[in-house]
Protein backbone atom coordinates (compact mmCIF):
# COMPACT_ATOMS: atom_id res chain seq x y z
CA UNK A 1 0.00 0.00 0.00
CA UNK A 2 1.34 3.42 -0.95
CA UNK A 3 1.83 5.90 1.93
CA UNK A 4 -0.32 8.31 -0.06
CA UNK A 5 -3.38 6.12 0.51
CA UNK A 6 -3.15 6.84 4.24
CA UNK A 7 -3.27 10.62 3.82
CA UNK A 8 -6.71 11.93 4.81
CA UNK A 9 -8.17 15.45 4.72
CA UNK A 10 -7.56 17.52 7.83
CA UNK A 11 -11.33 18.07 8.18
CA UNK A 12 -13.30 15.08 9.43
CA UNK A 13 -17.08 14.86 9.70
CA UNK A 14 -18.33 12.03 11.88
CA UNK A 15 -22.00 11.03 11.60
CA UNK A 16 -23.15 9.13 14.69
CA UNK A 17 -25.86 6.74 13.47
CA UNK A 18 -27.80 3.77 14.82
CA UNK A 19 -28.85 1.01 12.46
CA UNK A 20 -32.59 1.58 11.82
CA UNK A 21 -33.97 -1.73 13.03
CA UNK A 22 -37.52 -1.82 14.42
CA UNK A 23 -37.44 -1.94 18.20
CA UNK A 24 -33.76 -0.96 18.37
CA UNK A 25 -33.87 2.73 17.49
CA UNK A 26 -35.85 5.87 18.23
CA UNK A 27 -37.44 4.44 21.38
CA UNK A 28 -39.13 7.71 22.37
CA UNK A 29 -40.59 8.15 18.90
CA UNK A 30 -41.55 4.47 18.69
CA UNK A 31 -43.56 4.79 21.90
CA UNK A 32 -45.98 7.04 20.03
CA UNK A 33 -45.99 5.82 16.43
CA UNK A 34 -44.80 2.21 16.67
CA UNK A 35 -41.36 0.64 16.18
CA UNK A 36 -41.69 -0.04 12.45
CA UNK A 37 -42.68 3.53 11.62
CA UNK A 38 -39.94 4.89 13.88
CA UNK A 39 -37.37 2.70 12.13
CA UNK A 40 -38.48 3.98 8.72
CA UNK A 41 -38.10 7.55 9.90
CA UNK A 42 -34.66 6.75 11.34
CA UNK A 43 -33.62 5.31 7.98
CA UNK A 44 -34.79 8.40 6.10
CA UNK A 45 -33.06 10.71 8.57
CA UNK A 46 -29.78 8.82 8.18
CA UNK A 47 -30.03 9.02 4.39
CA UNK A 48 -30.82 12.75 4.56
CA UNK A 49 -27.91 13.49 6.90
CA UNK A 50 -25.43 11.63 4.73
CA UNK A 51 -26.77 13.26 1.56
CA UNK A 52 -26.12 16.70 3.07
CA UNK A 53 -22.66 15.64 4.23
CA UNK A 54 -21.68 14.25 0.82
CA UNK A 55 -22.09 17.70 -0.73
CA UNK A 56 -19.07 18.99 1.19
CA UNK A 57 -15.67 18.81 -0.46
CA UNK A 58 -12.31 18.17 1.14
CA UNK A 59 -13.56 16.21 4.12
CA UNK A 60 -13.15 12.72 5.50
CA UNK A 61 -16.74 11.51 5.89
CA UNK A 62 -16.99 8.82 8.58
CA UNK A 63 -20.11 6.91 9.60
CA UNK A 64 -19.85 5.88 13.26
CA UNK A 65 -22.26 2.97 13.59
CA UNK A 66 -24.17 1.48 16.50
CA UNK A 67 -26.26 -1.68 16.24
CA UNK A 68 -24.33 -3.50 13.51
CA UNK A 69 -21.25 -5.69 13.31
CA UNK A 70 -18.20 -4.67 11.26
CA UNK A 71 -19.34 -6.19 7.95
CA UNK A 72 -22.84 -4.82 8.19
CA UNK A 73 -21.49 -1.41 9.17
CA UNK A 74 -19.20 -1.35 6.15
CA UNK A 75 -22.04 -2.26 3.81
CA UNK A 76 -24.32 0.37 5.31
CA UNK A 77 -21.58 2.99 5.14
CA UNK A 78 -20.95 2.21 1.48
CA UNK A 79 -24.66 2.42 0.67
CA UNK A 80 -24.82 5.87 2.30
CA UNK A 81 -21.71 7.18 0.59
CA UNK A 82 -19.42 7.32 3.62
CA UNK A 83 -15.70 7.15 2.99
CA UNK A 84 -15.58 4.51 5.72
CA UNK A 85 -17.58 3.15 8.65
CA UNK A 86 -16.31 2.64 12.18
CA UNK A 87 -17.97 1.25 15.32
CA UNK A 88 -19.19 3.64 17.99
CA UNK A 89 -18.23 1.14 20.67
CA UNK A 90 -19.80 0.62 24.07
CA UNK A 91 -20.81 3.07 26.75
CA UNK A 92 -23.05 6.09 27.08
CA UNK A 93 -23.30 8.85 24.53
CA UNK A 94 -20.52 10.92 26.07
CA UNK A 95 -18.11 7.98 26.05
CA UNK A 96 -18.94 7.11 22.45
CA UNK A 97 -18.49 10.70 21.30
CA UNK A 98 -15.20 11.00 23.16
CA UNK A 99 -14.03 7.79 21.51
CA UNK A 100 -14.76 9.17 18.05
CA UNK A 101 -12.95 12.41 18.79
CA UNK A 102 -9.92 10.52 20.09
CA UNK A 103 -9.90 8.33 16.98
CA UNK A 104 -10.24 11.27 14.60
CA UNK A 105 -7.48 13.34 16.17
CA UNK A 106 -5.34 10.23 16.48
CA UNK A 107 -5.64 9.85 12.70
CA UNK A 108 -4.32 13.37 12.22
CA UNK A 109 -7.52 15.35 11.76
CA UNK A 110 -7.26 19.01 12.70
CA UNK A 111 -10.94 19.92 12.60
CA UNK A 112 -13.58 17.40 13.68
CA UNK A 113 -17.36 17.72 13.63
CA UNK A 114 -19.70 15.23 15.32
CA UNK A 115 -23.36 15.18 14.34
CA UNK A 116 -26.29 12.85 14.83
CA UNK A 117 -29.05 11.89 12.43
CA UNK A 118 -32.05 13.59 14.04
CA UNK A 119 -32.29 16.73 11.90
CA UNK A 120 -34.87 16.73 9.07
CA UNK A 121 -33.89 20.27 8.03
CA UNK A 122 -30.11 19.81 8.07
CA UNK A 123 -28.40 21.23 4.99
CA UNK A 124 -24.89 21.18 3.61
CA UNK A 125 -24.79 24.93 4.31
CA UNK A 126 -25.14 24.17 8.03
CA UNK A 127 -22.12 21.90 7.87
CA UNK A 128 -20.06 24.36 5.84
CA UNK A 129 -20.94 27.04 8.40
CA UNK A 130 -19.71 24.76 11.16
CA UNK A 131 -16.33 24.22 9.53
CA UNK A 132 -16.07 27.95 8.76
CA UNK A 133 -16.76 28.74 12.43
CA UNK A 134 -13.40 27.22 13.38
CA UNK A 135 -11.93 30.52 12.21
CA UNK A 136 -13.58 32.08 15.28
CA UNK A 137 -13.14 29.39 17.93
CA UNK A 138 -11.65 25.93 18.54
CA UNK A 139 -15.09 24.88 19.82
CA UNK A 140 -18.23 24.96 17.66
CA UNK A 141 -21.71 24.09 18.95
CA UNK A 142 -25.03 23.83 17.16
CA UNK A 143 -27.74 24.51 19.76
CA UNK A 144 -30.91 22.43 19.66
CA UNK A 145 -34.31 23.77 20.62
CA UNK A 146 -34.68 21.11 23.33
CA UNK A 147 -31.69 22.37 25.32
CA UNK A 148 -29.11 20.05 23.80
CA UNK A 149 -26.94 20.48 20.75
CA UNK A 150 -27.08 18.97 17.28
CA UNK A 151 -23.38 19.39 16.52
CA UNK A 152 -20.11 19.74 18.33
CA UNK A 153 -16.85 20.61 16.65
CA UNK A 154 -13.33 20.75 18.04
CA UNK A 155 -9.79 21.37 16.86
CA UNK A 156 -8.26 19.29 19.67
CA UNK A 157 -9.39 16.51 21.97
CA UNK A 158 -11.10 17.88 25.09
CA UNK A 159 -12.74 14.94 26.85
CA UNK A 160 -13.75 17.05 29.83
CA UNK A 161 -16.38 18.81 27.71
CA UNK A 162 -18.25 15.51 27.39
CA UNK A 163 -17.77 14.22 30.92
CA UNK A 164 -20.59 14.34 33.45
CA UNK A 165 -23.14 15.81 31.04
CA UNK A 166 -26.79 14.76 31.69
CA UNK A 167 -27.38 13.39 28.20
CA UNK A 168 -30.99 13.35 27.08
CA UNK A 169 -31.95 16.23 29.36
CA UNK A 170 -32.69 19.86 28.53
CA UNK A 171 -29.53 20.86 30.41
CA UNK A 172 -26.95 19.49 27.98
CA UNK A 173 -26.05 22.74 26.24
CA UNK A 174 -25.97 24.81 29.43
CA UNK A 175 -23.67 22.35 31.19
CA UNK A 176 -21.43 22.14 28.15
CA UNK A 177 -21.17 25.93 27.99
CA UNK A 178 -20.26 25.98 31.68
CA UNK A 179 -17.46 23.50 31.07
CA UNK A 180 -16.28 25.52 28.08
CA UNK A 181 -16.15 28.67 30.19
CA UNK A 182 -14.14 26.82 32.86
CA UNK A 183 -11.62 25.88 30.17
CA UNK A 184 -11.63 29.48 28.90
CA UNK A 185 -13.20 28.53 25.58
CA UNK A 186 -15.57 30.96 23.89
CA UNK A 187 -17.54 28.69 21.54
CA UNK A 188 -18.86 29.69 18.15
CA UNK A 189 -22.61 29.04 18.14
CA UNK A 190 -24.47 28.00 15.01
CA UNK A 191 -28.16 28.32 14.13
CA UNK A 192 -30.67 26.61 16.41
CA UNK A 193 -32.21 23.42 15.01
CA UNK A 194 -34.90 21.05 16.25
CA UNK A 195 -34.22 17.35 16.71
CA UNK A 196 -36.80 14.74 15.79
CA UNK A 197 -36.98 12.54 18.88
CA UNK A 198 -40.61 12.39 20.00
CA UNK A 199 -44.01 12.12 18.27
CA UNK A 200 -44.68 15.81 18.86
CA UNK A 201 -41.53 16.68 16.94
CA UNK A 202 -43.16 15.33 13.76
CA UNK A 203 -45.81 18.04 13.66
CA UNK A 204 -43.79 20.75 11.84
CA UNK A 205 -43.02 18.30 9.00
CA UNK A 206 -46.39 16.53 8.62
CA UNK A 207 -47.90 17.14 5.23
C-alpha atoms as a PDB file:
ATOM      1  CA  UNK A   1       0.000   0.000   0.000  1.00  0.00           C
ATOM      2  CA  UNK A   2       1.338   3.422  -0.955  1.00  0.00           C
ATOM      3  CA  UNK A   3       1.828   5.897   1.929  1.00  0.00           C
ATOM      4  CA  UNK A   4      -0.323   8.312  -0.060  1.00  0.00           C
ATOM      5  CA  UNK A   5      -3.376   6.118   0.509  1.00  0.00           C
ATOM      6  CA  UNK A   6      -3.145   6.845   4.237  1.00  0.00           C
ATOM      7  CA  UNK A   7      -3.270  10.624   3.816  1.00  0.00           C
ATOM      8  CA  UNK A   8      -6.708  11.933   4.809  1.00  0.00           C
ATOM      9  CA  UNK A   9      -8.171  15.453   4.718  1.00  0.00           C
ATOM     10  CA  UNK A  10      -7.564  17.521   7.832  1.00  0.00           C
ATOM     11  CA  UNK A  11     -11.333  18.067   8.176  1.00  0.00           C
ATOM     12  CA  UNK A  12     -13.302  15.077   9.427  1.00  0.00           C
ATOM     13  CA  UNK A  13     -17.078  14.863   9.696  1.00  0.00           C
ATOM     14  CA  UNK A  14     -18.334  12.025  11.879  1.00  0.00           C
ATOM     15  CA  UNK A  15     -21.997  11.033  11.598  1.00  0.00           C
ATOM     16  CA  UNK A  16     -23.154   9.133  14.687  1.00  0.00           C
ATOM     17  CA  UNK A  17     -25.857   6.737  13.466  1.00  0.00           C
ATOM     18  CA  UNK A  18     -27.803   3.772  14.815  1.00  0.00           C
ATOM     19  CA  UNK A  19     -28.850   1.006  12.457  1.00  0.00           C
ATOM     20  CA  UNK A  20     -32.592   1.579  11.817  1.00  0.00           C
ATOM     21  CA  UNK A  21     -33.967  -1.732  13.033  1.00  0.00           C
ATOM     22  CA  UNK A  22     -37.523  -1.818  14.417  1.00  0.00           C
ATOM     23  CA  UNK A  23     -37.438  -1.943  18.202  1.00  0.00           C
ATOM     24  CA  UNK A  24     -33.764  -0.959  18.374  1.00  0.00           C
ATOM     25  CA  UNK A  25     -33.866   2.732  17.492  1.00  0.00           C
ATOM     26  CA  UNK A  26     -35.846   5.871  18.231  1.00  0.00           C
ATOM     27  CA  UNK A  27     -37.440   4.444  21.376  1.00  0.00           C
ATOM     28  CA  UNK A  28     -39.129   7.712  22.369  1.00  0.00           C
ATOM     29  CA  UNK A  29     -40.589   8.148  18.899  1.00  0.00           C
ATOM     30  CA  UNK A  30     -41.548   4.469  18.693  1.00  0.00           C
ATOM     31  CA  UNK A  31     -43.560   4.792  21.898  1.00  0.00           C
ATOM     32  CA  UNK A  32     -45.984   7.045  20.034  1.00  0.00           C
ATOM     33  CA  UNK A  33     -45.995   5.817  16.435  1.00  0.00           C
ATOM     34  CA  UNK A  34     -44.799   2.208  16.673  1.00  0.00           C
ATOM     35  CA  UNK A  35     -41.360   0.645  16.184  1.00  0.00           C
ATOM     36  CA  UNK A  36     -41.687  -0.043  12.447  1.00  0.00           C
ATOM     37  CA  UNK A  37     -42.682   3.531  11.616  1.00  0.00           C
ATOM     38  CA  UNK A  38     -39.944   4.886  13.879  1.00  0.00           C
ATOM     39  CA  UNK A  39     -37.368   2.703  12.131  1.00  0.00           C
ATOM     40  CA  UNK A  40     -38.485   3.978   8.715  1.00  0.00           C
ATOM     41  CA  UNK A  41     -38.100   7.550   9.904  1.00  0.00           C
ATOM     42  CA  UNK A  42     -34.664   6.754  11.340  1.00  0.00           C
ATOM     43  CA  UNK A  43     -33.621   5.311   7.983  1.00  0.00           C
ATOM     44  CA  UNK A  44     -34.794   8.402   6.103  1.00  0.00           C
ATOM     45  CA  UNK A  45     -33.060  10.710   8.569  1.00  0.00           C
ATOM     46  CA  UNK A  46     -29.782   8.818   8.179  1.00  0.00           C
ATOM     47  CA  UNK A  47     -30.032   9.023   4.386  1.00  0.00           C
ATOM     48  CA  UNK A  48     -30.824  12.746   4.564  1.00  0.00           C
ATOM     49  CA  UNK A  49     -27.913  13.489   6.895  1.00  0.00           C
ATOM     50  CA  UNK A  50     -25.430  11.632   4.733  1.00  0.00           C
ATOM     51  CA  UNK A  51     -26.766  13.261   1.563  1.00  0.00           C
ATOM     52  CA  UNK A  52     -26.124  16.697   3.075  1.00  0.00           C
ATOM     53  CA  UNK A  53     -22.658  15.637   4.225  1.00  0.00           C
ATOM     54  CA  UNK A  54     -21.677  14.253   0.824  1.00  0.00           C
ATOM     55  CA  UNK A  55     -22.087  17.697  -0.726  1.00  0.00           C
ATOM     56  CA  UNK A  56     -19.072  18.992   1.187  1.00  0.00           C
ATOM     57  CA  UNK A  57     -15.673  18.808  -0.456  1.00  0.00           C
ATOM     58  CA  UNK A  58     -12.309  18.171   1.137  1.00  0.00           C
ATOM     59  CA  UNK A  59     -13.558  16.207   4.117  1.00  0.00           C
ATOM     60  CA  UNK A  60     -13.149  12.715   5.499  1.00  0.00           C
ATOM     61  CA  UNK A  61     -16.741  11.506   5.894  1.00  0.00           C
ATOM     62  CA  UNK A  62     -16.992   8.816   8.575  1.00  0.00           C
ATOM     63  CA  UNK A  63     -20.115   6.914   9.598  1.00  0.00           C
ATOM     64  CA  UNK A  64     -19.851   5.875  13.260  1.00  0.00           C
ATOM     65  CA  UNK A  65     -22.260   2.974  13.589  1.00  0.00           C
ATOM     66  CA  UNK A  66     -24.169   1.480  16.496  1.00  0.00           C
ATOM     67  CA  UNK A  67     -26.257  -1.681  16.238  1.00  0.00           C
ATOM     68  CA  UNK A  68     -24.326  -3.504  13.506  1.00  0.00           C
ATOM     69  CA  UNK A  69     -21.254  -5.687  13.311  1.00  0.00           C
ATOM     70  CA  UNK A  70     -18.196  -4.666  11.257  1.00  0.00           C
ATOM     71  CA  UNK A  71     -19.338  -6.193   7.953  1.00  0.00           C
ATOM     72  CA  UNK A  72     -22.841  -4.820   8.192  1.00  0.00           C
ATOM     73  CA  UNK A  73     -21.491  -1.406   9.172  1.00  0.00           C
ATOM     74  CA  UNK A  74     -19.197  -1.347   6.154  1.00  0.00           C
ATOM     75  CA  UNK A  75     -22.041  -2.257   3.807  1.00  0.00           C
ATOM     76  CA  UNK A  76     -24.321   0.371   5.312  1.00  0.00           C
ATOM     77  CA  UNK A  77     -21.575   2.990   5.141  1.00  0.00           C
ATOM     78  CA  UNK A  78     -20.949   2.208   1.482  1.00  0.00           C
ATOM     79  CA  UNK A  79     -24.657   2.422   0.673  1.00  0.00           C
ATOM     80  CA  UNK A  80     -24.822   5.868   2.301  1.00  0.00           C
ATOM     81  CA  UNK A  81     -21.707   7.182   0.586  1.00  0.00           C
ATOM     82  CA  UNK A  82     -19.418   7.321   3.624  1.00  0.00           C
ATOM     83  CA  UNK A  83     -15.699   7.149   2.993  1.00  0.00           C
ATOM     84  CA  UNK A  84     -15.585   4.513   5.720  1.00  0.00           C
ATOM     85  CA  UNK A  85     -17.576   3.146   8.648  1.00  0.00           C
ATOM     86  CA  UNK A  86     -16.310   2.637  12.177  1.00  0.00           C
ATOM     87  CA  UNK A  87     -17.965   1.247  15.316  1.00  0.00           C
ATOM     88  CA  UNK A  88     -19.190   3.636  17.985  1.00  0.00           C
ATOM     89  CA  UNK A  89     -18.233   1.140  20.673  1.00  0.00           C
ATOM     90  CA  UNK A  90     -19.798   0.620  24.066  1.00  0.00           C
ATOM     91  CA  UNK A  91     -20.813   3.069  26.755  1.00  0.00           C
ATOM     92  CA  UNK A  92     -23.048   6.089  27.082  1.00  0.00           C
ATOM     93  CA  UNK A  93     -23.296   8.848  24.526  1.00  0.00           C
ATOM     94  CA  UNK A  94     -20.521  10.923  26.074  1.00  0.00           C
ATOM     95  CA  UNK A  95     -18.109   7.980  26.051  1.00  0.00           C
ATOM     96  CA  UNK A  96     -18.939   7.111  22.452  1.00  0.00           C
ATOM     97  CA  UNK A  97     -18.494  10.701  21.298  1.00  0.00           C
ATOM     98  CA  UNK A  98     -15.201  11.005  23.159  1.00  0.00           C
ATOM     99  CA  UNK A  99     -14.026   7.785  21.509  1.00  0.00           C
ATOM    100  CA  UNK A 100     -14.762   9.172  18.046  1.00  0.00           C
ATOM    101  CA  UNK A 101     -12.948  12.415  18.791  1.00  0.00           C
ATOM    102  CA  UNK A 102      -9.917  10.518  20.088  1.00  0.00           C
ATOM    103  CA  UNK A 103      -9.895   8.331  16.982  1.00  0.00           C
ATOM    104  CA  UNK A 104     -10.237  11.268  14.604  1.00  0.00           C
ATOM    105  CA  UNK A 105      -7.477  13.337  16.172  1.00  0.00           C
ATOM    106  CA  UNK A 106      -5.339  10.228  16.476  1.00  0.00           C
ATOM    107  CA  UNK A 107      -5.644   9.855  12.704  1.00  0.00           C
ATOM    108  CA  UNK A 108      -4.318  13.366  12.217  1.00  0.00           C
ATOM    109  CA  UNK A 109      -7.523  15.349  11.759  1.00  0.00           C
ATOM    110  CA  UNK A 110      -7.256  19.012  12.696  1.00  0.00           C
ATOM    111  CA  UNK A 111     -10.941  19.916  12.601  1.00  0.00           C
ATOM    112  CA  UNK A 112     -13.577  17.396  13.685  1.00  0.00           C
ATOM    113  CA  UNK A 113     -17.360  17.715  13.631  1.00  0.00           C
ATOM    114  CA  UNK A 114     -19.696  15.233  15.317  1.00  0.00           C
ATOM    115  CA  UNK A 115     -23.356  15.182  14.338  1.00  0.00           C
ATOM    116  CA  UNK A 116     -26.291  12.848  14.826  1.00  0.00           C
ATOM    117  CA  UNK A 117     -29.054  11.891  12.430  1.00  0.00           C
ATOM    118  CA  UNK A 118     -32.054  13.591  14.037  1.00  0.00           C
ATOM    119  CA  UNK A 119     -32.287  16.733  11.903  1.00  0.00           C
ATOM    120  CA  UNK A 120     -34.866  16.730   9.075  1.00  0.00           C
ATOM    121  CA  UNK A 121     -33.888  20.267   8.027  1.00  0.00           C
ATOM    122  CA  UNK A 122     -30.108  19.811   8.070  1.00  0.00           C
ATOM    123  CA  UNK A 123     -28.396  21.233   4.993  1.00  0.00           C
ATOM    124  CA  UNK A 124     -24.890  21.185   3.613  1.00  0.00           C
ATOM    125  CA  UNK A 125     -24.794  24.927   4.311  1.00  0.00           C
ATOM    126  CA  UNK A 126     -25.144  24.174   8.030  1.00  0.00           C
ATOM    127  CA  UNK A 127     -22.117  21.902   7.874  1.00  0.00           C
ATOM    128  CA  UNK A 128     -20.064  24.358   5.835  1.00  0.00           C
ATOM    129  CA  UNK A 129     -20.938  27.044   8.397  1.00  0.00           C
ATOM    130  CA  UNK A 130     -19.713  24.755  11.161  1.00  0.00           C
ATOM    131  CA  UNK A 131     -16.328  24.223   9.529  1.00  0.00           C
ATOM    132  CA  UNK A 132     -16.072  27.947   8.762  1.00  0.00           C
ATOM    133  CA  UNK A 133     -16.755  28.740  12.430  1.00  0.00           C
ATOM    134  CA  UNK A 134     -13.403  27.217  13.384  1.00  0.00           C
ATOM    135  CA  UNK A 135     -11.927  30.521  12.213  1.00  0.00           C
ATOM    136  CA  UNK A 136     -13.582  32.075  15.283  1.00  0.00           C
ATOM    137  CA  UNK A 137     -13.140  29.392  17.934  1.00  0.00           C
ATOM    138  CA  UNK A 138     -11.651  25.934  18.541  1.00  0.00           C
ATOM    139  CA  UNK A 139     -15.093  24.882  19.818  1.00  0.00           C
ATOM    140  CA  UNK A 140     -18.227  24.959  17.663  1.00  0.00           C
ATOM    141  CA  UNK A 141     -21.706  24.091  18.948  1.00  0.00           C
ATOM    142  CA  UNK A 142     -25.031  23.827  17.160  1.00  0.00           C
ATOM    143  CA  UNK A 143     -27.739  24.512  19.762  1.00  0.00           C
ATOM    144  CA  UNK A 144     -30.908  22.426  19.662  1.00  0.00           C
ATOM    145  CA  UNK A 145     -34.314  23.772  20.618  1.00  0.00           C
ATOM    146  CA  UNK A 146     -34.678  21.111  23.329  1.00  0.00           C
ATOM    147  CA  UNK A 147     -31.688  22.366  25.322  1.00  0.00           C
ATOM    148  CA  UNK A 148     -29.109  20.052  23.797  1.00  0.00           C
ATOM    149  CA  UNK A 149     -26.941  20.481  20.745  1.00  0.00           C
ATOM    150  CA  UNK A 150     -27.082  18.969  17.275  1.00  0.00           C
ATOM    151  CA  UNK A 151     -23.384  19.394  16.516  1.00  0.00           C
ATOM    152  CA  UNK A 152     -20.111  19.736  18.333  1.00  0.00           C
ATOM    153  CA  UNK A 153     -16.852  20.611  16.649  1.00  0.00           C
ATOM    154  CA  UNK A 154     -13.331  20.749  18.037  1.00  0.00           C
ATOM    155  CA  UNK A 155      -9.787  21.366  16.864  1.00  0.00           C
ATOM    156  CA  UNK A 156      -8.261  19.289  19.667  1.00  0.00           C
ATOM    157  CA  UNK A 157      -9.389  16.512  21.968  1.00  0.00           C
ATOM    158  CA  UNK A 158     -11.103  17.880  25.093  1.00  0.00           C
ATOM    159  CA  UNK A 159     -12.739  14.935  26.847  1.00  0.00           C
ATOM    160  CA  UNK A 160     -13.750  17.053  29.833  1.00  0.00           C
ATOM    161  CA  UNK A 161     -16.384  18.811  27.706  1.00  0.00           C
ATOM    162  CA  UNK A 162     -18.245  15.509  27.390  1.00  0.00           C
ATOM    163  CA  UNK A 163     -17.767  14.221  30.915  1.00  0.00           C
ATOM    164  CA  UNK A 164     -20.587  14.345  33.446  1.00  0.00           C
ATOM    165  CA  UNK A 165     -23.141  15.806  31.035  1.00  0.00           C
ATOM    166  CA  UNK A 166     -26.790  14.762  31.691  1.00  0.00           C
ATOM    167  CA  UNK A 167     -27.376  13.386  28.199  1.00  0.00           C
ATOM    168  CA  UNK A 168     -30.994  13.346  27.078  1.00  0.00           C
ATOM    169  CA  UNK A 169     -31.948  16.233  29.363  1.00  0.00           C
ATOM    170  CA  UNK A 170     -32.686  19.863  28.525  1.00  0.00           C
ATOM    171  CA  UNK A 171     -29.530  20.855  30.411  1.00  0.00           C
ATOM    172  CA  UNK A 172     -26.951  19.487  27.977  1.00  0.00           C
ATOM    173  CA  UNK A 173     -26.053  22.741  26.239  1.00  0.00           C
ATOM    174  CA  UNK A 174     -25.968  24.811  29.433  1.00  0.00           C
ATOM    175  CA  UNK A 175     -23.674  22.348  31.189  1.00  0.00           C
ATOM    176  CA  UNK A 176     -21.429  22.144  28.148  1.00  0.00           C
ATOM    177  CA  UNK A 177     -21.169  25.927  27.992  1.00  0.00           C
ATOM    178  CA  UNK A 178     -20.264  25.984  31.679  1.00  0.00           C
ATOM    179  CA  UNK A 179     -17.458  23.505  31.066  1.00  0.00           C
ATOM    180  CA  UNK A 180     -16.281  25.521  28.079  1.00  0.00           C
ATOM    181  CA  UNK A 181     -16.150  28.672  30.195  1.00  0.00           C
ATOM    182  CA  UNK A 182     -14.140  26.818  32.861  1.00  0.00           C
ATOM    183  CA  UNK A 183     -11.616  25.877  30.171  1.00  0.00           C
ATOM    184  CA  UNK A 184     -11.626  29.479  28.897  1.00  0.00           C
ATOM    185  CA  UNK A 185     -13.199  28.529  25.584  1.00  0.00           C
ATOM    186  CA  UNK A 186     -15.572  30.957  23.886  1.00  0.00           C
ATOM    187  CA  UNK A 187     -17.535  28.688  21.537  1.00  0.00           C
ATOM    188  CA  UNK A 188     -18.860  29.685  18.148  1.00  0.00           C
ATOM    189  CA  UNK A 189     -22.609  29.037  18.137  1.00  0.00           C
ATOM    190  CA  UNK A 190     -24.468  28.003  15.006  1.00  0.00           C
ATOM    191  CA  UNK A 191     -28.161  28.325  14.128  1.00  0.00           C
ATOM    192  CA  UNK A 192     -30.671  26.613  16.406  1.00  0.00           C
ATOM    193  CA  UNK A 193     -32.214  23.423  15.006  1.00  0.00           C
ATOM    194  CA  UNK A 194     -34.903  21.052  16.252  1.00  0.00           C
ATOM    195  CA  UNK A 195     -34.219  17.350  16.710  1.00  0.00           C
ATOM    196  CA  UNK A 196     -36.805  14.744  15.786  1.00  0.00           C
ATOM    197  CA  UNK A 197     -36.984  12.545  18.884  1.00  0.00           C
ATOM    198  CA  UNK A 198     -40.612  12.394  20.002  1.00  0.00           C
ATOM    199  CA  UNK A 199     -44.009  12.122  18.269  1.00  0.00           C
ATOM    200  CA  UNK A 200     -44.684  15.813  18.860  1.00  0.00           C
ATOM    201  CA  UNK A 201     -41.527  16.683  16.941  1.00  0.00           C
ATOM    202  CA  UNK A 202     -43.159  15.330  13.764  1.00  0.00           C
ATOM    203  CA  UNK A 203     -45.806  18.042  13.656  1.00  0.00           C
ATOM    204  CA  UNK A 204     -43.791  20.754  11.841  1.00  0.00           C
ATOM    205  CA  UNK A 205     -43.017  18.303   9.001  1.00  0.00           C
ATOM    206  CA  UNK A 206     -46.395  16.532   8.623  1.00  0.00           C
ATOM    207  CA  UNK A 207     -47.900  17.141   5.232  1.00  0.00           C
END
